[in-house]
C-alpha cells in the first residue's frame, strides 16, 4: 500500500519519526547546554561601582564557581553574600549570555564617625557603622554616642544632610532627644538644629549663618531663625 505521493506508508511514518526524534534531540541538547554544560557557564565576573573596596574583595565574597551554568546561578545568594560586606550599601547582580556576570555595588559613604576603643567607626546616613580606622577622619563630624537607636539614627540623618563644606566646619553632632539635635562647630559656636524635619532647608540656613556674627543659632524652625551673641 502506498500514499498518493507514491511513498510507502511505512517509509512515511519512519520519516516522521526521524524528524520528531531529531527535533527532540536538538531540544534536549539545547537544554543540556543551557542548564548543565559549562559552554554557557560563568567565565567572566565584572565588578562595577567600587570606591574603597577592590574588585577582588567583591569577587571573593560573591564566591561564584567558574563554569557554573548562567541559568542555574543563584543570583539572590550571590547578592546576599556581597551585601554581607559591611561597606556595601546596595548590590545588583546581572547575568549576560554567553558567560558574563556583572556585580554592581554601591558603597556606603561616611557622613560622620563615632569614637570606639579601636579608633573611629565610620557611619553612613543610614546610621550603619561600616569601617573602623585608627584615627578620626578629617572633615567629618563626630557623632555623640546616644543611648538609643532613634537618637543615633537622627544624628546620622542630620550628618547626611550637611553639604561637604559645612560638614567640615562641624565638630560634633549630639542628640539629647530626636527633637533637640545640636551641632557644635569647630570654632566653638552652637547650632540648635531641632528635629530631622526640613534638614535641607536648615543646612542652607546654617551654611549662610556661619559667616555671620553670633555664638548661638537656632534653626529648629527655619521660618524663624534665632541668633544670639556677638
Protein backbone atom coordinates (compact mmCIF):
# COMPACT_ATOMS: atom_id res chain seq x y z
CA UNK A 1 0.00 0.00 0.00
CA UNK A 2 1.30 3.43 -0.93
CA UNK A 3 0.23 7.05 -0.36
CA UNK A 4 -0.87 9.47 -3.06
CA UNK A 5 2.68 10.86 -3.21
CA UNK A 6 3.95 7.43 -4.17
CA UNK A 7 5.83 6.88 -0.87
CA UNK A 8 5.03 3.65 1.00
CA UNK A 9 3.09 4.33 4.21
CA UNK A 10 5.74 2.62 6.37
CA UNK A 11 8.52 4.79 4.96
CA UNK A 12 6.43 7.92 5.52
CA UNK A 13 5.86 7.03 9.17
CA UNK A 14 9.60 6.33 9.54
CA UNK A 15 10.46 9.76 8.15
CA UNK A 16 8.04 11.46 10.56
CA UNK A 17 9.55 9.52 13.44
CA UNK A 18 13.08 10.52 12.41
CA UNK A 19 12.08 14.18 12.15
CA UNK A 20 10.43 14.08 15.59
CA UNK A 21 13.45 12.31 17.07
CA UNK A 22 15.75 14.93 15.53
CA UNK A 23 13.72 17.79 16.95
CA UNK A 24 13.71 16.13 20.38
CA UNK A 25 17.46 15.61 20.21
CA UNK A 26 18.00 19.29 19.38
CA UNK A 27 15.77 20.36 22.28
CA UNK A 28 17.50 18.02 24.72
CA UNK A 29 20.94 19.15 23.56
CA UNK A 30 19.93 22.81 23.91
CA UNK A 31 18.53 22.22 27.37
CA UNK A 32 21.69 20.42 28.43
CA UNK A 33 23.88 23.20 27.06
CA UNK A 34 21.88 25.87 28.92
CA UNK A 35 21.31 24.08 32.23
CA UNK A 36 24.26 21.77 32.73
CA UNK A 37 27.12 22.50 30.34
CA UNK A 38 29.93 24.95 31.07
CA UNK A 39 29.67 26.11 27.46
CA UNK A 40 27.16 28.70 28.69
CA UNK A 41 28.78 28.87 32.12
CA UNK A 42 30.43 31.72 34.02
CA UNK A 43 33.77 32.71 32.57
CA UNK A 44 33.84 36.44 33.35
CA UNK A 45 32.83 38.31 36.53
CA UNK A 46 32.74 42.08 36.16
CA UNK A 47 32.54 44.32 39.25
CA UNK A 48 31.47 47.97 38.99
CA UNK A 49 30.88 50.79 41.47
CA UNK A 50 33.72 50.11 43.91
CA UNK A 51 35.40 53.06 45.61
CA UNK A 52 37.31 51.82 48.64
CA UNK A 53 36.72 48.12 48.07
CA UNK A 54 38.58 46.21 45.39
CA UNK A 55 37.01 44.10 42.68
CA UNK A 56 38.86 41.14 44.17
CA UNK A 57 37.16 41.59 47.54
CA UNK A 58 33.73 41.65 45.90
CA UNK A 59 34.50 38.61 43.72
CA UNK A 60 35.76 36.69 46.75
CA UNK A 61 32.56 37.45 48.66
CA UNK A 62 30.40 36.55 45.64
CA UNK A 63 32.04 33.10 45.56
CA UNK A 64 30.88 32.27 42.03
CA UNK A 65 32.33 28.96 40.81
CA UNK A 66 33.77 29.29 37.28
CA UNK A 67 31.79 27.29 34.76
CA UNK A 68 28.53 27.43 36.70
CA UNK A 69 25.75 27.50 34.08
CA UNK A 70 24.26 31.01 33.99
CA UNK A 71 20.72 29.58 34.04
CA UNK A 72 21.43 27.83 37.34
CA UNK A 73 23.35 30.62 39.06
CA UNK A 74 21.57 31.68 42.25
CA UNK A 75 21.87 35.44 41.81
CA UNK A 76 19.91 36.08 45.04
CA UNK A 77 22.50 34.10 47.00
CA UNK A 78 25.34 35.95 45.27
CA UNK A 79 23.68 39.27 46.10
CA UNK A 80 23.28 38.26 49.75
CA UNK A 81 26.93 37.25 50.06
CA UNK A 82 28.16 40.54 48.61
CA UNK A 83 25.68 42.55 50.70
CA UNK A 84 27.24 40.99 53.81
CA UNK A 85 30.31 43.18 53.23
CA UNK A 86 29.86 46.00 55.73
CA UNK A 87 30.92 48.71 53.30
CA UNK A 88 28.32 47.69 50.68
CA UNK A 89 25.01 49.56 50.71
CA UNK A 90 23.29 48.03 47.66
CA UNK A 91 24.05 45.22 45.20
CA UNK A 92 22.68 44.35 41.78
CA UNK A 93 23.66 41.07 40.09
CA UNK A 94 23.03 40.55 36.38
CA UNK A 95 23.85 37.69 34.01
CA UNK A 96 24.63 38.13 30.32
CA UNK A 97 24.96 35.26 27.86
CA UNK A 98 27.06 33.56 26.92
CA UNK A 99 29.28 33.75 30.02
CA UNK A 100 29.29 37.03 31.99
CA UNK A 101 28.12 38.01 35.47
CA UNK A 102 28.07 41.69 36.37
CA UNK A 103 28.03 42.76 40.03
CA UNK A 104 27.16 46.42 40.56
CA UNK A 105 27.77 47.71 44.08
CA UNK A 106 27.06 50.99 45.77
CA UNK A 107 29.35 51.57 48.72
CA UNK A 108 28.39 53.30 51.93
CA UNK A 109 29.60 56.87 52.27
CA UNK A 110 30.75 58.13 55.66
CA UNK A 111 28.90 61.21 56.94
CA UNK A 112 30.39 61.12 60.43
CA UNK A 113 32.17 58.92 62.93
CA UNK A 114 31.81 57.60 66.46
CA UNK A 115 34.67 57.12 68.88
CA UNK A 116 35.30 53.43 69.65
CA UNK A 117 38.12 51.72 71.55
CA UNK A 118 39.86 50.84 68.27
CA UNK A 119 39.70 54.42 66.98
CA UNK A 120 36.90 55.86 64.85
CA UNK A 121 33.94 53.94 63.44
CA UNK A 122 32.74 55.46 60.17
CA UNK A 123 28.96 55.91 60.00
CA UNK A 124 26.76 56.48 56.95
CA UNK A 125 23.46 58.38 56.66
CA UNK A 126 21.58 55.15 57.41
CA UNK A 127 23.36 55.00 60.80
CA UNK A 128 25.39 51.95 59.80
CA UNK A 129 28.92 51.65 61.16
CA UNK A 130 30.82 50.04 58.30
CA UNK A 131 34.53 50.59 58.88
CA UNK A 132 36.86 51.34 61.78
CA UNK A 133 40.09 53.26 61.39
CA UNK A 134 42.78 54.17 63.93
CA UNK A 135 42.13 57.92 63.94
CA UNK A 136 39.30 60.37 63.35
CA UNK A 137 38.73 61.20 59.67
CA UNK A 138 39.37 64.75 58.54
CA UNK A 139 36.37 66.80 57.51
CA UNK A 140 33.68 64.71 59.18
CA UNK A 141 31.77 65.49 62.39
CA UNK A 142 31.89 63.30 65.45
CA UNK A 143 28.52 61.77 66.33
CA UNK A 144 28.00 61.69 70.07
CA UNK A 145 27.13 58.24 71.37
CA UNK A 146 23.42 58.12 72.13
CA UNK A 147 21.57 55.79 74.47
CA UNK A 148 19.10 54.51 71.90
CA UNK A 149 18.78 53.72 68.22
CA UNK A 150 16.35 56.53 67.43
CA UNK A 151 18.68 59.26 68.68
CA UNK A 152 21.69 57.70 66.97
CA UNK A 153 19.76 57.47 63.70
CA UNK A 154 18.62 61.09 63.99
CA UNK A 155 22.19 62.33 64.41
CA UNK A 156 23.31 60.31 61.38
CA UNK A 157 20.42 61.65 59.31
CA UNK A 158 21.41 65.23 60.09
CA UNK A 159 25.06 64.49 59.31
CA UNK A 160 23.99 63.10 55.96
CA UNK A 161 22.11 66.30 55.13
CA UNK A 162 25.15 68.55 55.55
CA UNK A 163 26.95 69.78 52.42
CA UNK A 164 30.62 68.81 52.44
CA UNK A 165 31.80 72.39 53.09
CA UNK A 166 29.51 72.69 56.11
CA UNK A 167 30.33 69.21 57.41
CA UNK A 168 33.99 70.24 57.58
CA UNK A 169 33.03 73.07 59.96
CA UNK A 170 31.07 70.82 62.34
CA UNK A 171 33.00 69.21 65.18
CA UNK A 172 30.18 67.37 66.98
CA UNK A 173 26.54 66.38 66.47
CA UNK A 174 24.66 65.49 69.64
CA UNK A 175 21.11 64.24 70.00
CA UNK A 176 19.90 64.56 73.62
CA UNK A 177 16.48 63.84 72.09
CA UNK A 178 15.36 63.30 68.50
CA UNK A 179 13.88 66.83 68.54
CA UNK A 180 16.83 68.68 70.07
CA UNK A 181 19.76 67.78 67.85
CA UNK A 182 22.67 70.17 68.38
CA UNK A 183 25.69 70.97 66.23
CA UNK A 184 28.91 72.25 67.76
CA UNK A 185 31.11 74.00 65.23
CA UNK A 186 34.88 73.72 65.26
CA UNK A 187 35.16 77.36 66.34
CA UNK A 188 33.03 76.63 69.42
CA UNK A 189 29.75 78.08 68.20
CA UNK A 190 26.49 76.17 68.67
CA UNK A 191 23.59 75.45 66.35
CA UNK A 192 20.25 74.21 67.64
CA UNK A 193 19.07 72.05 64.74
CA UNK A 194 15.96 70.59 66.33
CA UNK A 195 14.43 67.53 64.65
CA UNK A 196 15.35 65.88 61.36
CA UNK A 197 12.46 67.55 59.51
CA UNK A 198 13.33 70.10 56.79
CA UNK A 199 17.01 69.24 57.12
CA UNK A 200 17.83 70.53 53.62
CA UNK A 201 16.37 73.95 54.49
CA UNK A 202 18.22 74.02 57.79
CA UNK A 203 21.51 73.12 56.12
CA UNK A 204 21.16 76.07 53.72
CA UNK A 205 20.45 78.42 56.62
CA UNK A 206 23.38 77.25 58.70
CA UNK A 207 25.67 77.46 55.69
CA UNK A 208 24.77 81.14 55.42
CA UNK A 209 24.77 81.85 59.16
CA UNK A 210 28.27 80.54 59.91
CA UNK A 211 29.67 83.52 58.05
CA UNK A 212 27.72 85.92 60.27
CA UNK A 213 28.41 87.19 63.83
CA UNK A 214 26.83 85.16 66.60
CA UNK A 215 27.71 82.39 69.03
CA UNK A 216 24.38 80.58 69.02
CA UNK A 217 21.98 79.89 66.17
CA UNK A 218 18.58 78.25 66.40
CA UNK A 219 17.26 76.90 63.09
CA UNK A 220 14.84 74.37 64.58
CA UNK A 221 12.10 76.39 62.90
CA UNK A 222 13.57 77.51 59.55
CA UNK A 223 10.91 80.21 59.19
CA UNK A 224 12.03 81.90 62.42
CA UNK A 225 15.79 81.80 62.92
CA UNK A 226 17.26 82.93 66.22
CA UNK A 227 20.81 84.27 66.55
CA UNK A 228 22.48 85.29 69.83
CA UNK A 229 25.87 86.58 70.90
CA UNK A 230 28.37 88.72 69.11
